[in-house]
Amino acid sequence: MENVTMDAVKRAKEEGIDLTLLHENLLRTPTERIENFLQWLGFVEELRKVKQIKDVRC
């Protein structure tokens, strides 16, 4: 199983996929991952509000 995982990682790197964010996220606890997700969700919601305001003004 470990060889399969390492092969997948090697292939991803060869395809140019940056795995640093995935690695950093996996170092976090599940609670930290949820908190980070909620922060990003709040940011996305704010962007949507701004877009709605902009659409109304146009």
Protein backbone atom coordinates (compact mmCIF):
# COMPACT_ATOMS: atom_id res chain seq x y z
CA MET A 1 0.00 0.00 0.00
CA GLU A 2 2.83 2.40 0.83
CA ASN A 3 4.35 1.95 -2.64
CA VAL A 4 1.01 2.80 -4.24
CA THR A 5 0.79 5.97 -2.16
CA MET A 6 4.35 6.98 -2.94
CA ASP A 7 3.78 6.30 -6.65
CA ALA A 8 0.74 8.59 -6.57
CA VAL A 9 2.76 11.32 -4.85
CA LYS A 10 5.58 10.93 -7.37
CA ARG A 11 3.15 11.11 -10.30
CA ALA A 12 1.48 14.20 -8.84
CA LYS A 13 4.84 15.94 -8.49
CA GLU A 14 5.82 14.97 -12.04
CA GLU A 15 2.56 16.49 -13.29
CA GLY A 16 3.49 19.74 -11.58
CA ILE A 17 1.04 19.52 -8.70
CA ASP A 18 2.23 21.46 -5.65
CA LEU A 19 1.60 19.27 -2.63
CA THR A 20 2.83 21.74 0.00
CA LEU A 21 -0.65 23.04 0.88
CA LEU A 22 -1.97 19.51 1.22
CA HIS A 23 0.96 18.58 3.43
CA GLU A 24 0.55 21.68 5.60
CA ASN A 25 -3.18 21.03 5.97
CA LEU A 26 -2.57 17.43 7.03
CA LEU A 27 -0.28 18.68 9.81
CA ARG A 28 -3.27 20.49 11.34
CA THR A 29 -5.71 18.90 13.73
CA PRO A 30 -9.24 18.24 12.47
CA THR A 31 -10.45 21.15 14.59
CA GLU A 32 -7.88 23.48 13.05
CA ARG A 33 -8.91 22.33 9.56
CA ILE A 34 -12.57 23.10 10.32
CA GLU A 35 -11.68 26.52 11.75
CA ASN A 36 -9.62 27.31 8.65
CA PHE A 37 -12.49 26.18 6.41
CA LEU A 38 -14.94 28.40 8.29
CA GLN A 39 -12.63 31.40 7.88
CA TRP A 40 -12.47 30.80 4.12
CA LEU A 41 -16.23 30.31 3.99
CA GLY A 42 -16.74 33.68 5.67
CA PHE A 43 -14.43 35.27 3.12
CA VAL A 44 -16.38 33.73 0.23
CA GLU A 45 -19.66 34.94 1.71
CA GLU A 46 -18.29 38.48 1.93
CA LEU A 47 -17.21 38.32 -1.72
CA ARG A 48 -20.71 37.21 -2.70
CA LYS A 49 -22.23 40.15 -0.81
CA VAL A 50 -19.92 42.59 -2.58
CA LYS A 51 -20.82 41.08 -5.93
CA GLN A 52 -24.55 41.38 -5.19
CA ILE A 53 -24.14 45.04 -4.25
CA LYS A 54 -22.13 45.67 -7.40
CA ASP A 55 -24.74 43.87 -9.57
CA VAL A 56 -27.55 46.00 -8.08
CA ARG A 57 -25.68 49.23 -8.83
CA CYS A 58 -25.05 48.35 -12.49
